[in-house]
Amino acid sequence: MSAGPILGSRPWLGALLLAYYDPDGRLVYAGRAGTGIDYAELERLWRRLQAQAISGMPLDAPPPRDSRFGSPLTLSRVHWVRPELVAEVKYLAWTEDNLLRQVVYEGLREDKPAVEVRRETPHPKPAGSTRPSSRQRPRSG
């Protein structure tokens, strides 16, 4: 969706801003990925993203500028692009703020259109499938 430089550190871009489409088709900010991108991949991403540059933010709502995790996001430094590329990432969890935590970039997916990227929802456990804790288990004998 977008890429932005992070002050100091490395060439081309600092992190990718990640998003997904909600059930109503709105593009929703999900967090950033910078870890896992080596220098060769940084350059490759930068070159691909340059051709997709746009002037306005494609998100339905702006991302939060402050986060408990990572450096503050300066929107004026973000280089917005058309949301056409799909990044494969792994992450620890979703935060209470609905952001991905401890995100690691694993590569681009060429097999999936960006409009199909949705937030995964946990599957509910079937009724009666929970096992009682050791305190609740009936004792035999």
C-alpha atoms as a PDB file:
ATOM      1  CA  MET A   1       0.000   0.000   0.000  1.00  0.00           C
ATOM      2  CA  SER A   2       2.696   2.478   0.852  1.00  0.00           C
ATOM      3  CA  ALA A   3       6.265   2.870   1.816  1.00  0.00           C
ATOM      4  CA  GLY A   4       8.014   5.451   3.864  1.00  0.00           C
ATOM      5  CA  PRO A   5      11.543   6.260   4.879  1.00  0.00           C
ATOM      6  CA  ILE A   6      12.551   5.874   8.481  1.00  0.00           C
ATOM      7  CA  LEU A   7      15.074   8.472   9.565  1.00  0.00           C
ATOM      8  CA  GLY A   8      18.651   7.322   9.509  1.00  0.00           C
ATOM      9  CA  SER A   9      19.118   3.646   8.997  1.00  0.00           C
ATOM     10  CA  ARG A  10      18.839   2.272   5.463  1.00  0.00           C
ATOM     11  CA  PRO A  11      18.396   3.217   1.808  1.00  0.00           C
ATOM     12  CA  TRP A  12      15.253   3.110  -0.358  1.00  0.00           C
ATOM     13  CA  LEU A  13      12.541   2.663   2.285  1.00  0.00           C
ATOM     14  CA  GLY A  14      12.195   2.127   5.996  1.00  0.00           C
ATOM     15  CA  ALA A  15       9.010   0.091   6.184  1.00  0.00           C
ATOM     16  CA  LEU A  16       5.959  -0.968   4.246  1.00  0.00           C
ATOM     17  CA  LEU A  17       2.612   0.197   5.534  1.00  0.00           C
ATOM     18  CA  LEU A  18       0.186  -2.704   5.522  1.00  0.00           C
ATOM     19  CA  ALA A  19      -3.570  -2.753   5.012  1.00  0.00           C
ATOM     20  CA  TYR A  20      -6.462  -5.080   4.280  1.00  0.00           C
ATOM     21  CA  TYR A  21      -9.953  -4.688   2.875  1.00  0.00           C
ATOM     22  CA  ASP A  22     -12.850  -4.853   5.327  1.00  0.00           C
ATOM     23  CA  PRO A  23     -16.177  -6.512   4.392  1.00  0.00           C
ATOM     24  CA  ASP A  24     -17.465  -3.160   3.061  1.00  0.00           C
ATOM     25  CA  GLY A  25     -14.490  -2.804   0.684  1.00  0.00           C
ATOM     26  CA  ARG A  26     -12.701  -0.108   2.698  1.00  0.00           C
ATOM     27  CA  LEU A  27      -8.910  -0.216   2.912  1.00  0.00           C
ATOM     28  CA  VAL A  28      -7.931  -0.407   6.601  1.00  0.00           C
ATOM     29  CA  TYR A  29      -4.448   0.257   8.025  1.00  0.00           C
ATOM     30  CA  ALA A  30      -2.965  -2.795   9.762  1.00  0.00           C
ATOM     31  CA  GLY A  31       0.577  -1.792  10.744  1.00  0.00           C
ATOM     32  CA  ARG A  32       4.109  -1.681   9.353  1.00  0.00           C
ATOM     33  CA  ALA A  33       6.666  -4.213   8.199  1.00  0.00           C
ATOM     34  CA  GLY A  34      10.359  -3.419   8.035  1.00  0.00           C
ATOM     35  CA  THR A  35      11.951  -6.447   9.651  1.00  0.00           C
ATOM     36  CA  GLY A  36      12.826  -9.237   7.249  1.00  0.00           C
ATOM     37  CA  ILE A  37      13.601  -7.014   4.253  1.00  0.00           C
ATOM     38  CA  ASP A  38      17.242  -7.284   3.184  1.00  0.00           C
ATOM     39  CA  TYR A  39      19.012  -4.642   1.067  1.00  0.00           C
ATOM     40  CA  ALA A  40      18.426  -6.395  -2.253  1.00  0.00           C
ATOM     41  CA  GLU A  41      14.711  -6.726  -1.494  1.00  0.00           C
ATOM     42  CA  LEU A  42      14.555  -3.083  -0.334  1.00  0.00           C
ATOM     43  CA  GLU A  43      15.870  -1.954  -3.687  1.00  0.00           C
ATOM     44  CA  ARG A  44      13.574  -4.304  -5.615  1.00  0.00           C
ATOM     45  CA  LEU A  45      10.518  -3.102  -3.649  1.00  0.00           C
ATOM     46  CA  TRP A  46      11.483   0.540  -4.088  1.00  0.00           C
ATOM     47  CA  ARG A  47      11.715   0.153  -7.858  1.00  0.00           C
ATOM     48  CA  ARG A  48       8.319  -1.593  -8.065  1.00  0.00           C
ATOM     49  CA  LEU A  49       6.659   0.949  -5.799  1.00  0.00           C
ATOM     50  CA  GLN A  50       7.916   3.971  -7.770  1.00  0.00           C
ATOM     51  CA  ALA A  51       5.699   3.013 -10.708  1.00  0.00           C
ATOM     52  CA  GLN A  52       2.659   2.859  -8.423  1.00  0.00           C
ATOM     53  CA  ALA A  53       3.067   6.228  -6.710  1.00  0.00           C
ATOM     54  CA  ILE A  54      -0.072   8.290  -6.097  1.00  0.00           C
ATOM     55  CA  SER A  55      -0.540  11.674  -4.461  1.00  0.00           C
ATOM     56  CA  GLY A  56      -3.300  10.811  -1.985  1.00  0.00           C
ATOM     57  CA  MET A  57      -3.688   8.325   0.824  1.00  0.00           C
ATOM     58  CA  PRO A  58      -5.712   5.277  -0.314  1.00  0.00           C
ATOM     59  CA  LEU A  59      -6.775   4.323   3.224  1.00  0.00           C
ATOM     60  CA  ASP A  60     -10.331   4.850   4.435  1.00  0.00           C
ATOM     61  CA  ALA A  61      -8.952   6.551   7.585  1.00  0.00           C
ATOM     62  CA  PRO A  62      -5.442   7.782   8.383  1.00  0.00           C
ATOM     63  CA  PRO A  63      -3.198   5.478  10.374  1.00  0.00           C
ATOM     64  CA  PRO A  64      -2.454   6.438  13.976  1.00  0.00           C
ATOM     65  CA  ARG A  65       0.585   8.653  14.253  1.00  0.00           C
ATOM     66  CA  ASP A  66       1.605   7.270  17.621  1.00  0.00           C
ATOM     67  CA  SER A  67       1.978   3.654  18.562  1.00  0.00           C
ATOM     68  CA  ARG A  68       3.048   1.788  21.641  1.00  0.00           C
ATOM     69  CA  PHE A  69       5.237  -0.230  19.293  1.00  0.00           C
ATOM     70  CA  GLY A  70       7.810   1.401  17.052  1.00  0.00           C
ATOM     71  CA  SER A  71       8.563   4.980  16.144  1.00  0.00           C
ATOM     72  CA  PRO A  72       5.840   7.572  15.481  1.00  0.00           C
ATOM     73  CA  LEU A  73       4.504   7.646  11.936  1.00  0.00           C
ATOM     74  CA  THR A  74       5.006  10.953  10.114  1.00  0.00           C
ATOM     75  CA  LEU A  75       2.357  11.016   7.381  1.00  0.00           C
ATOM     76  CA  SER A  76       4.126  13.763   5.451  1.00  0.00           C
ATOM     77  CA  ARG A  77       7.065  11.373   4.911  1.00  0.00           C
ATOM     78  CA  VAL A  78       4.936   8.505   3.593  1.00  0.00           C
ATOM     79  CA  HIS A  79       5.106   7.779  -0.130  1.00  0.00           C
ATOM     80  CA  TRP A  80       1.631   6.525  -1.018  1.00  0.00           C
ATOM     81  CA  VAL A  81       1.173   3.952  -3.741  1.00  0.00           C
ATOM     82  CA  ARG A  82      -1.773   2.211  -5.365  1.00  0.00           C
ATOM     83  CA  PRO A  83      -2.708  -0.769  -3.164  1.00  0.00           C
ATOM     84  CA  GLU A  84      -1.871  -3.425  -5.739  1.00  0.00           C
ATOM     85  CA  LEU A  85       0.979  -5.455  -4.248  1.00  0.00           C
ATOM     86  CA  VAL A  86       0.392  -8.175  -1.651  1.00  0.00           C
ATOM     87  CA  ALA A  87       3.023  -8.790   1.006  1.00  0.00           C
ATOM     88  CA  GLU A  88       3.245 -12.063   2.883  1.00  0.00           C
ATOM     89  CA  VAL A  89       4.017 -11.351   6.542  1.00  0.00           C
ATOM     90  CA  LYS A  90       4.105 -13.235   9.779  1.00  0.00           C
ATOM     91  CA  TYR A  91       3.213 -11.580  13.057  1.00  0.00           C
ATOM     92  CA  LEU A  92       2.845 -12.283  16.753  1.00  0.00           C
ATOM     93  CA  ALA A  93      -0.688 -10.995  17.298  1.00  0.00           C
ATOM     94  CA  TRP A  94      -3.303  -8.332  16.643  1.00  0.00           C
ATOM     95  CA  THR A  95      -3.268  -5.603  19.296  1.00  0.00           C
ATOM     96  CA  GLU A  96      -6.324  -4.153  21.034  1.00  0.00           C
ATOM     97  CA  ASP A  97      -5.895  -1.226  18.610  1.00  0.00           C
ATOM     98  CA  ASN A  98      -6.408  -3.629  15.670  1.00  0.00           C
ATOM     99  CA  LEU A  99      -2.800  -3.391  14.534  1.00  0.00           C
ATOM    100  CA  LEU A 100      -0.357  -6.166  13.726  1.00  0.00           C
ATOM    101  CA  ARG A 101       2.382  -6.650  16.311  1.00  0.00           C
ATOM    102  CA  GLN A 102       5.956  -7.843  15.663  1.00  0.00           C
ATOM    103  CA  VAL A 103       5.550  -8.066  11.904  1.00  0.00           C
ATOM    104  CA  VAL A 104       8.164  -9.783   9.730  1.00  0.00           C
ATOM    105  CA  TYR A 105       8.130  -9.382   5.945  1.00  0.00           C
ATOM    106  CA  GLU A 106       8.442 -12.673   4.075  1.00  0.00           C
ATOM    107  CA  GLY A 107       8.040 -11.559   0.461  1.00  0.00           C
ATOM    108  CA  LEU A 108       5.572 -10.486  -2.167  1.00  0.00           C
ATOM    109  CA  ARG A 109       2.729 -12.727  -3.310  1.00  0.00           C
ATOM    110  CA  GLU A 110       2.222 -12.668  -7.029  1.00  0.00           C
ATOM    111  CA  ASP A 111      -0.640 -15.191  -6.864  1.00  0.00           C
ATOM    112  CA  LYS A 112      -3.184 -13.110  -4.932  1.00  0.00           C
ATOM    113  CA  PRO A 113      -4.901  -9.880  -5.993  1.00  0.00           C
ATOM    114  CA  ALA A 114      -4.746  -7.105  -3.391  1.00  0.00           C
ATOM    115  CA  VAL A 115      -8.545  -6.748  -3.366  1.00  0.00           C
ATOM    116  CA  GLU A 116      -8.736 -10.255  -1.887  1.00  0.00           C
ATOM    117  CA  VAL A 117      -6.647  -9.391   1.176  1.00  0.00           C
ATOM    118  CA  ARG A 118      -8.894  -9.616   4.224  1.00  0.00           C
ATOM    119  CA  ARG A 119      -8.191  -9.762   7.926  1.00  0.00           C
ATOM    120  CA  GLU A 120      -8.309 -13.312   9.174  1.00  0.00           C
ATOM    121  CA  THR A 121     -10.865 -13.889  11.878  1.00  0.00           C
ATOM    122  CA  PRO A 122     -10.388 -16.554  14.520  1.00  0.00           C
ATOM    123  CA  HIS A 123     -12.522 -19.625  14.008  1.00  0.00           C
ATOM    124  CA  PRO A 124     -14.912 -20.166  16.922  1.00  0.00           C
ATOM    125  CA  LYS A 125     -14.587 -23.440  18.769  1.00  0.00           C
ATOM    126  CA  PRO A 126     -17.452 -25.837  18.172  1.00  0.00           C
ATOM    127  CA  ALA A 127     -19.928 -26.014  21.069  1.00  0.00           C
ATOM    128  CA  GLY A 128     -18.966 -28.625  23.611  1.00  0.00           C
ATOM    129  CA  SER A 129     -15.376 -28.910  22.387  1.00  0.00           C
ATOM    130  CA  THR A 130     -13.768 -27.229  25.372  1.00  0.00           C
ATOM    131  CA  ARG A 131     -12.138 -29.556  27.827  1.00  0.00           C
ATOM    132  CA  PRO A 132     -12.554 -28.808  31.513  1.00  0.00           C
ATOM    133  CA  SER A 133      -9.510 -27.648  33.408  1.00  0.00           C
ATOM    134  CA  SER A 134      -7.808 -30.039  35.819  1.00  0.00           C
ATOM    135  CA  ARG A 135      -9.740 -28.438  38.700  1.00  0.00           C
ATOM    136  CA  GLN A 136     -13.062 -29.151  37.024  1.00  0.00           C
ATOM    137  CA  ARG A 137     -12.373 -32.730  35.953  1.00  0.00           C
ATOM    138  CA  PRO A 138     -14.340 -35.258  37.950  1.00  0.00           C
ATOM    139  CA  ARG A 139     -12.214 -37.589  40.008  1.00  0.00           C
ATOM    140  CA  SER A 140     -12.664 -41.265  39.596  1.00  0.00           C
ATOM    141  CA  GLY A 141     -12.874 -43.656  42.509  1.00  0.00           C
END
